[in-house]
Amino acid sequence: MLEDGTYEAIVIDAEPGTEANSVVIELALAAGPHKGELVTVTANGLSRDPLDLLAVPATIVVNGGVLTLTLEG
């Protein structure tokens, strides 16, 4: 688990999740002490095709152990 903070990342893989309207997204952290580490999250209610997410820059914010993912574009 990542410590609280803000992390820049890039989507390296995305595929449909097991629940309706969910996407499993794998991200590589792009900077800082965790650079190169992989983070996998499941996004629910995302209205984007998983293939369209590949190589999309993202920001991960961890606050109190809760992760929030913001995708660019």
PDB file of N, CA and C in Angstrom:
ATOM      1  N   MET A   1       0.849  -1.183   0.000  1.00  0.00           N
ATOM      2  CA  MET A   1       0.000   0.000   0.000  1.00  0.00           C
ATOM      3  C   MET A   1       0.890   1.240   0.000  1.00  0.00           C
ATOM      4  N   LEU A   2       0.506   2.211  -0.773  1.00  0.00           N
ATOM      5  CA  LEU A   2       1.252   3.465  -0.849  1.00  0.00           C
ATOM      6  C   LEU A   2       0.973   4.334   0.376  1.00  0.00           C
ATOM      7  N   GLU A   3       1.981   5.098   0.762  1.00  0.00           N
ATOM      8  CA  GLU A   3       1.794   6.064   1.834  1.00  0.00           C
ATOM      9  C   GLU A   3       0.935   7.213   1.322  1.00  0.00           C
ATOM     10  N   ASP A   4       0.339   7.973   2.240  1.00  0.00           N
ATOM     11  CA  ASP A   4      -0.431   9.144   1.841  1.00  0.00           C
ATOM     12  C   ASP A   4       0.438  10.066   1.000  1.00  0.00           C
ATOM     13  N   GLY A   5      -0.137  10.582  -0.064  1.00  0.00           N
ATOM     14  CA  GLY A   5       0.587  11.485  -0.949  1.00  0.00           C
ATOM     15  C   GLY A   5      -0.020  11.481  -2.334  1.00  0.00           C
ATOM     16  N   THR A   6       0.631  12.204  -3.240  1.00  0.00           N
ATOM     17  CA  THR A   6       0.192  12.305  -4.627  1.00  0.00           C
ATOM     18  C   THR A   6       1.241  11.664  -5.512  1.00  0.00           C
ATOM     19  N   TYR A   7       0.789  10.828  -6.445  1.00  0.00           N
ATOM     20  CA  TYR A   7       1.689  10.067  -7.301  1.00  0.00           C
ATOM     21  C   TYR A   7       1.272  10.227  -8.762  1.00  0.00           C
ATOM     22  N   GLU A   8       2.237  10.486  -9.613  1.00  0.00           N
ATOM     23  CA  GLU A   8       1.998  10.533 -11.053  1.00  0.00           C
ATOM     24  C   GLU A   8       2.183   9.120 -11.594  1.00  0.00           C
ATOM     25  N   ALA A   9       1.319   8.735 -12.524  1.00  0.00           N
ATOM     26  CA  ALA A   9       1.359   7.375 -13.048  1.00  0.00           C
ATOM     27  C   ALA A   9       0.930   7.363 -14.510  1.00  0.00           C
ATOM     28  N   ILE A  10       1.086   6.202 -15.122  1.00  0.00           N
ATOM     29  CA  ILE A  10       0.626   6.007 -16.500  1.00  0.00           C
ATOM     30  C   ILE A  10      -0.036   4.633 -16.583  1.00  0.00           C
ATOM     31  N   VAL A  11      -1.135   4.560 -17.319  1.00  0.00           N
ATOM     32  CA  VAL A  11      -1.859   3.296 -17.476  1.00  0.00           C
ATOM     33  C   VAL A  11      -1.059   2.389 -18.400  1.00  0.00           C
ATOM     34  N   ILE A  12      -0.757   1.174 -17.925  1.00  0.00           N
ATOM     35  CA  ILE A  12      -0.019   0.233 -18.758  1.00  0.00           C
ATOM     36  C   ILE A  12      -0.887  -0.945 -19.198  1.00  0.00           C
ATOM     37  N   ASP A  13      -2.031  -1.120 -18.534  1.00  0.00           N
ATOM     38  CA  ASP A  13      -2.952  -2.171 -18.939  1.00  0.00           C
ATOM     39  C   ASP A  13      -4.332  -1.846 -18.391  1.00  0.00           C
ATOM     40  N   ALA A  14      -5.360  -2.230 -19.110  1.00  0.00           N
ATOM     41  CA  ALA A  14      -6.737  -2.050 -18.659  1.00  0.00           C
ATOM     42  C   ALA A  14      -7.593  -3.120 -19.318  1.00  0.00           C
ATOM     43  N   GLU A  15      -8.468  -3.714 -18.530  1.00  0.00           N
ATOM     44  CA  GLU A  15      -9.350  -4.739 -19.053  1.00  0.00           C
ATOM     45  C   GLU A  15     -10.665  -4.706 -18.292  1.00  0.00           C
ATOM     46  N   PRO A  16     -11.724  -5.213 -18.914  1.00  0.00           N
ATOM     47  CA  PRO A  16     -13.016  -5.220 -18.223  1.00  0.00           C
ATOM     48  C   PRO A  16     -12.926  -5.983 -16.903  1.00  0.00           C
ATOM     49  N   GLY A  17     -13.582  -5.447 -15.885  1.00  0.00           N
ATOM     50  CA  GLY A  17     -13.622  -6.115 -14.593  1.00  0.00           C
ATOM     51  C   GLY A  17     -14.705  -7.178 -14.549  1.00  0.00           C
ATOM     52  N   THR A  18     -14.829  -7.823 -13.413  1.00  0.00           N
ATOM     53  CA  THR A  18     -15.809  -8.896 -13.260  1.00  0.00           C
ATOM     54  C   THR A  18     -17.214  -8.359 -13.015  1.00  0.00           C
ATOM     55  N   GLU A  19     -17.323  -7.134 -12.500  1.00  0.00           N
ATOM     56  CA  GLU A  19     -18.636  -6.522 -12.264  1.00  0.00           C
ATOM     57  C   GLU A  19     -19.019  -5.660 -13.463  1.00  0.00           C
ATOM     58  N   ALA A  20     -20.304  -5.446 -13.643  1.00  0.00           N
ATOM     59  CA  ALA A  20     -20.788  -4.606 -14.738  1.00  0.00           C
ATOM     60  C   ALA A  20     -20.208  -3.202 -14.616  1.00  0.00           C
ATOM     61  N   ASN A  21     -19.788  -2.641 -15.737  1.00  0.00           N
ATOM     62  CA  ASN A  21     -19.235  -1.281 -15.802  1.00  0.00           C
ATOM     63  C   ASN A  21     -17.995  -1.082 -14.934  1.00  0.00           C
ATOM     64  N   SER A  22     -17.218  -2.134 -14.727  1.00  0.00           N
ATOM     65  CA  SER A  22     -15.967  -1.980 -13.985  1.00  0.00           C
ATOM     66  C   SER A  22     -14.785  -2.254 -14.914  1.00  0.00           C
ATOM     67  N   VAL A  23     -13.661  -1.603 -14.608  1.00  0.00           N
ATOM     68  CA  VAL A  23     -12.433  -1.768 -15.382  1.00  0.00           C
ATOM     69  C   VAL A  23     -11.281  -1.968 -14.402  1.00  0.00           C
ATOM     70  N   VAL A  24     -10.480  -2.993 -14.632  1.00  0.00           N
ATOM     71  CA  VAL A  24      -9.273  -3.221 -13.840  1.00  0.00           C
ATOM     72  C   VAL A  24      -8.139  -2.494 -14.554  1.00  0.00           C
ATOM     73  N   ILE A  25      -7.511  -1.571 -13.838  1.00  0.00           N
ATOM     74  CA  ILE A  25      -6.483  -0.710 -14.427  1.00  0.00           C
ATOM     75  C   ILE A  25      -5.157  -0.964 -13.719  1.00  0.00           C
ATOM     76  N   GLU A  26      -4.116  -1.236 -14.515  1.00  0.00           N
ATOM     77  CA  GLU A  26      -2.766  -1.394 -13.966  1.00  0.00           C
ATOM     78  C   GLU A  26      -1.973  -0.148 -14.343  1.00  0.00           C
ATOM     79  N   LEU A  27      -1.361   0.458 -13.331  1.00  0.00           N
ATOM     80  CA  LEU A  27      -0.618   1.702 -13.532  1.00  0.00           C
ATOM     81  C   LEU A  27       0.821   1.530 -13.074  1.00  0.00           C
ATOM     82  N   ALA A  28       1.725   2.209 -13.768  1.00  0.00           N
ATOM     83  CA  ALA A  28       3.123   2.274 -13.355  1.00  0.00           C
ATOM     84  C   ALA A  28       3.372   3.666 -12.799  1.00  0.00           C
ATOM     85  N   LEU A  29       3.944   3.740 -11.601  1.00  0.00           N
ATOM     86  CA  LEU A  29       4.266   5.036 -11.011  1.00  0.00           C
ATOM     87  C   LEU A  29       5.433   5.637 -11.777  1.00  0.00           C
ATOM     88  N   ALA A  30       5.319   6.936 -12.084  1.00  0.00           N
ATOM     89  CA  ALA A  30       6.256   7.568 -13.011  1.00  0.00           C
ATOM     90  C   ALA A  30       7.338   8.409 -12.353  1.00  0.00           C
ATOM     91  N   ALA A  31       7.239   8.657 -11.060  1.00  0.00           N
ATOM     92  CA  ALA A  31       8.232   9.525 -10.407  1.00  0.00           C
ATOM     93  C   ALA A  31       8.278   9.227  -8.917  1.00  0.00           C
ATOM     94  N   GLY A  32       9.258   9.802  -8.267  1.00  0.00           N
ATOM     95  CA  GLY A  32       9.365   9.690  -6.810  1.00  0.00           C
ATOM     96  C   GLY A  32      10.005   8.398  -6.358  1.00  0.00           C
ATOM     97  N   PRO A  33       9.976   8.161  -5.047  1.00  0.00           N
ATOM     98  CA  PRO A  33      10.662   6.996  -4.488  1.00  0.00           C
ATOM     99  C   PRO A  33      10.044   5.658  -4.892  1.00  0.00           C
ATOM    100  N   HIS A  34       8.820   5.670  -5.374  1.00  0.00           N
ATOM    101  CA  HIS A  34       8.163   4.432  -5.805  1.00  0.00           C
ATOM    102  C   HIS A  34       8.155   4.274  -7.326  1.00  0.00           C
ATOM    103  N   LYS A  35       8.956   5.088  -8.023  1.00  0.00           N
ATOM    104  CA  LYS A  35       9.007   5.060  -9.487  1.00  0.00           C
ATOM    105  C   LYS A  35       9.200   3.629  -9.980  1.00  0.00           C
ATOM    106  N   GLY A  36       8.366   3.252 -10.952  1.00  0.00           N
ATOM    107  CA  GLY A  36       8.458   1.925 -11.544  1.00  0.00           C
ATOM    108  C   GLY A  36       7.579   0.881 -10.873  1.00  0.00           C
ATOM    109  N   GLU A  37       7.079   1.176  -9.681  1.00  0.00           N
ATOM    110  CA  GLU A  37       6.201   0.219  -9.010  1.00  0.00           C
ATOM    111  C   GLU A  37       4.854   0.176  -9.708  1.00  0.00           C
ATOM    112  N   LEU A  38       4.205  -0.967  -9.618  1.00  0.00           N
ATOM    113  CA  LEU A  38       2.899  -1.151 -10.252  1.00  0.00           C
ATOM    114  C   LEU A  38       1.793  -1.080  -9.215  1.00  0.00           C
ATOM    115  N   VAL A  39       0.697  -0.458  -9.613  1.00  0.00           N
ATOM    116  CA  VAL A  39      -0.490  -0.349  -8.769  1.00  0.00           C
ATOM    117  C   VAL A  39      -1.671  -0.817  -9.608  1.00  0.00           C
ATOM    118  N   THR A  40      -2.502  -1.687  -9.052  1.00  0.00           N
ATOM    119  CA  THR A  40      -3.689  -2.161  -9.750  1.00  0.00           C
ATOM    120  C   THR A  40      -4.919  -1.701  -8.988  1.00  0.00           C
ATOM    121  N   VAL A  41      -5.844  -1.078  -9.706  1.00  0.00           N
ATOM    122  CA  VAL A  41      -7.094  -0.611  -9.102  1.00  0.00           C
ATOM    123  C   VAL A  41      -8.261  -1.064  -9.974  1.00  0.00           C
ATOM    124  N   THR A  42      -9.416  -1.185  -9.362  1.00  0.00           N
ATOM    125  CA  THR A  42     -10.644  -1.460 -10.098  1.00  0.00           C
ATOM    126  C   THR A  42     -11.504  -0.213 -10.035  1.00  0.00           C
ATOM    127  N   ALA A  43     -11.859   0.300 -11.195  1.00  0.00           N
ATOM    128  CA  ALA A  43     -12.702   1.491 -11.289  1.00  0.00           C
ATOM    129  C   ALA A  43     -14.115   1.041 -11.647  1.00  0.00           C
ATOM    130  N   ASN A  44     -15.090   1.531 -10.897  1.00  0.00           N
ATOM    131  CA  ASN A  44     -16.489   1.212 -11.157  1.00  0.00           C
ATOM    132  C   ASN A  44     -17.179   2.412 -11.784  1.00  0.00           C
ATOM    133  N   GLY A  45     -18.091   2.149 -12.707  1.00  0.00           N
ATOM    134  CA  GLY A  45     -18.859   3.216 -13.331  1.00  0.00           C
ATOM    135  C   GLY A  45     -18.069   4.034 -14.332  1.00  0.00           C
ATOM    136  N   LEU A  46     -16.959   3.513 -14.796  1.00  0.00           N
ATOM    137  CA  LEU A  46     -16.127   4.219 -15.767  1.00  0.00           C
ATOM    138  C   LEU A  46     -16.716   4.016 -17.156  1.00  0.00           C
ATOM    139  N   SER A  47     -17.049   5.089 -17.833  1.00  0.00           N
ATOM    140  CA  SER A  47     -17.703   4.973 -19.140  1.00  0.00           C
ATOM    141  C   SER A  47     -16.702   5.124 -20.284  1.00  0.00           C
ATOM    142  N   ARG A  48     -15.561   4.443 -20.164  1.00  0.00           N
ATOM    143  CA  ARG A  48     -14.544   4.473 -21.213  1.00  0.00           C
ATOM    144  C   ARG A  48     -14.145   3.050 -21.562  1.00  0.00           C
ATOM    145  N   ASP A  49     -13.844   2.851 -22.828  1.00  0.00           N
ATOM    146  CA  ASP A  49     -13.374   1.554 -23.278  1.00  0.00           C
ATOM    147  C   ASP A  49     -11.988   1.299 -22.692  1.00  0.00           C
ATOM    148  N   PRO A  50     -11.749   0.116 -22.126  1.00  0.00           N
ATOM    149  CA  PRO A  50     -10.436  -0.161 -21.542  1.00  0.00           C
ATOM    150  C   PRO A  50      -9.268   0.088 -22.497  1.00  0.00           C
ATOM    151  N   LEU A  51      -9.419  -0.229 -23.781  1.00  0.00           N
ATOM    152  CA  LEU A  51      -8.328  -0.007 -24.738  1.00  0.00           C
ATOM    153  C   LEU A  51      -7.994   1.475 -24.886  1.00  0.00           C
ATOM    154  N   ASP A  52      -8.975   2.340 -24.713  1.00  0.00           N
ATOM    155  CA  ASP A  52      -8.745   3.784 -24.812  1.00  0.00           C
ATOM    156  C   ASP A  52      -7.942   4.326 -23.638  1.00  0.00           C
ATOM    157  N   LEU A  53      -7.789   3.530 -22.591  1.00  0.00           N
ATOM    158  CA  LEU A  53      -7.064   3.980 -21.401  1.00  0.00           C
ATOM    159  C   LEU A  53      -5.557   3.732 -21.476  1.00  0.00           C
ATOM    160  N   LEU A  54      -5.127   2.879 -22.398  1.00  0.00           N
ATOM    161  CA  LEU A  54      -3.710   2.534 -22.480  1.00  0.00           C
ATOM    162  C   LEU A  54      -2.861   3.772 -22.726  1.00  0.00           C
ATOM    163  N   ALA A  55      -1.812   3.924 -21.934  1.00  0.00           N
ATOM    164  CA  ALA A  55      -0.844   5.022 -22.006  1.00  0.00           C
ATOM    165  C   ALA A  55      -1.410   6.364 -21.541  1.00  0.00           C
ATOM    166  N   VAL A  56      -2.578   6.368 -20.916  1.00  0.00           N
ATOM    167  CA  VAL A  56      -3.159   7.606 -20.403  1.00  0.00           C
ATOM    168  C   VAL A  56      -2.446   7.996 -19.101  1.00  0.00           C
ATOM    169  N   PRO A  57      -1.994   9.260 -19.001  1.00  0.00           N
ATOM    170  CA  PRO A  57      -1.425   9.727 -17.737  1.00  0.00           C
ATOM    171  C   PRO A  57      -2.497   9.776 -16.653  1.00  0.00           C
ATOM    172  N   ALA A  58      -2.079   9.557 -15.423  1.00  0.00           N
ATOM    173  CA  ALA A  58      -3.018   9.539 -14.311  1.00  0.00           C
ATOM    174  C   ALA A  58      -2.363  10.121 -13.067  1.00  0.00           C
ATOM    175  N   THR A  59      -3.205  10.535 -12.137  1.00  0.00           N
ATOM    176  CA  THR A  59      -2.748  10.985 -10.829  1.00  0.00           C
ATOM    177  C   THR A  59      -3.429  10.133  -9.781  1.00  0.00           C
ATOM    178  N   ILE A  60      -2.630   9.606  -8.879  1.00  0.00           N
ATOM    179  CA  ILE A  60      -3.138   8.820  -7.759  1.00  0.00           C
ATOM    180  C   ILE A  60      -2.943   9.657  -6.503  1.00  0.00           C
ATOM    181  N   VAL A  61      -4.007   9.830  -5.741  1.00  0.00           N
ATOM    182  CA  VAL A  61      -3.914  10.521  -4.458  1.00  0.00           C
ATOM    183  C   VAL A  61      -4.319   9.521  -3.384  1.00  0.00           C
ATOM    184  N   VAL A  62      -3.455   9.362  -2.385  1.00  0.00           N
ATOM    185  CA  VAL A  62      -3.756   8.493  -1.251  1.00  0.00           C
ATOM    186  C   VAL A  62      -3.892   9.393  -0.033  1.00  0.00           C
ATOM    187  N   ASN A  63      -5.054   9.312   0.614  1.00  0.00           N
ATOM    188  CA  ASN A  63      -5.327  10.136   1.796  1.00  0.00           C
ATOM    189  C   ASN A  63      -5.996   9.245   2.844  1.00  0.00           C
ATOM    190  N   GLY A  64      -5.319   9.042   3.950  1.00  0.00           N
ATOM    191  CA  GLY A  64      -5.857   8.175   4.990  1.00  0.00           C
ATOM    192  C   GLY A  64      -6.004   6.741   4.539  1.00  0.00           C
ATOM    193  N   GLY A  65      -5.150   6.329   3.621  1.00  0.00           N
ATOM    194  CA  GLY A  65      -5.184   4.968   3.107  1.00  0.00           C
ATOM    195  C   GLY A  65      -6.206   4.755   2.006  1.00  0.00           C
ATOM    196  N   VAL A  66      -6.943   5.803   1.643  1.00  0.00           N
ATOM    197  CA  VAL A  66      -7.946   5.707   0.586  1.00  0.00           C
ATOM    198  C   VAL A  66      -7.360   6.257  -0.702  1.00  0.00           C
ATOM    199  N   LEU A  67      -7.401   5.451  -1.768  1.00  0.00           N
ATOM    200  CA  LEU A  67      -6.829   5.827  -3.057  1.00  0.00           C
ATOM    201  C   LEU A  67      -7.894   6.463  -3.951  1.00  0.00           C
ATOM    202  N   THR A  68      -7.547   7.577  -4.569  1.00  0.00           N
ATOM    203  CA  THR A  68      -8.394   8.214  -5.565  1.00  0.00           C
ATOM    204  C   THR A  68      -7.588   8.317  -6.856  1.00  0.00           C
ATOM    205  N   LEU A  69      -8.186   7.885  -7.952  1.00  0.00           N
ATOM    206  CA  LEU A  69      -7.518   7.879  -9.248  1.00  0.00           C
ATOM    207  C   LEU A  69      -8.173   8.904 -10.167  1.00  0.00           C
ATOM    208  N   THR A  70      -7.357   9.763 -10.780  1.00  0.00           N
ATOM    209  CA  THR A  70      -7.840  10.705 -11.776  1.00  0.00           C
ATOM    210  C   THR A  70      -7.109  10.423 -13.075  1.00  0.00           C
ATOM    211  N   LEU A  71      -7.877  10.140 -14.125  1.00  0.00           N
ATOM    212  CA  LEU A  71      -7.311   9.879 -15.442  1.00  0.00           C
ATOM    213  C   LEU A  71      -7.398  11.135 -16.287  1.00  0.00           C
ATOM    214  N   GLU A  72      -6.326  11.437 -17.028  1.00  0.00           N
ATOM    215  CA  GLU A  72      -6.343  12.594 -17.929  1.00  0.00           C
ATOM    216  C   GLU A  72      -7.084  12.217 -19.210  1.00  0.00           C
ATOM    217  N   GLY A  73      -7.558  13.244 -19.898  1.00  0.00           N
ATOM    218  CA  GLY A  73      -8.215  13.037 -21.189  1.00  0.00           C
ATOM    219  C   GLY A  73      -9.584  12.558 -20.995  1.00  0.00           C
TER     220      GLY A  73
END
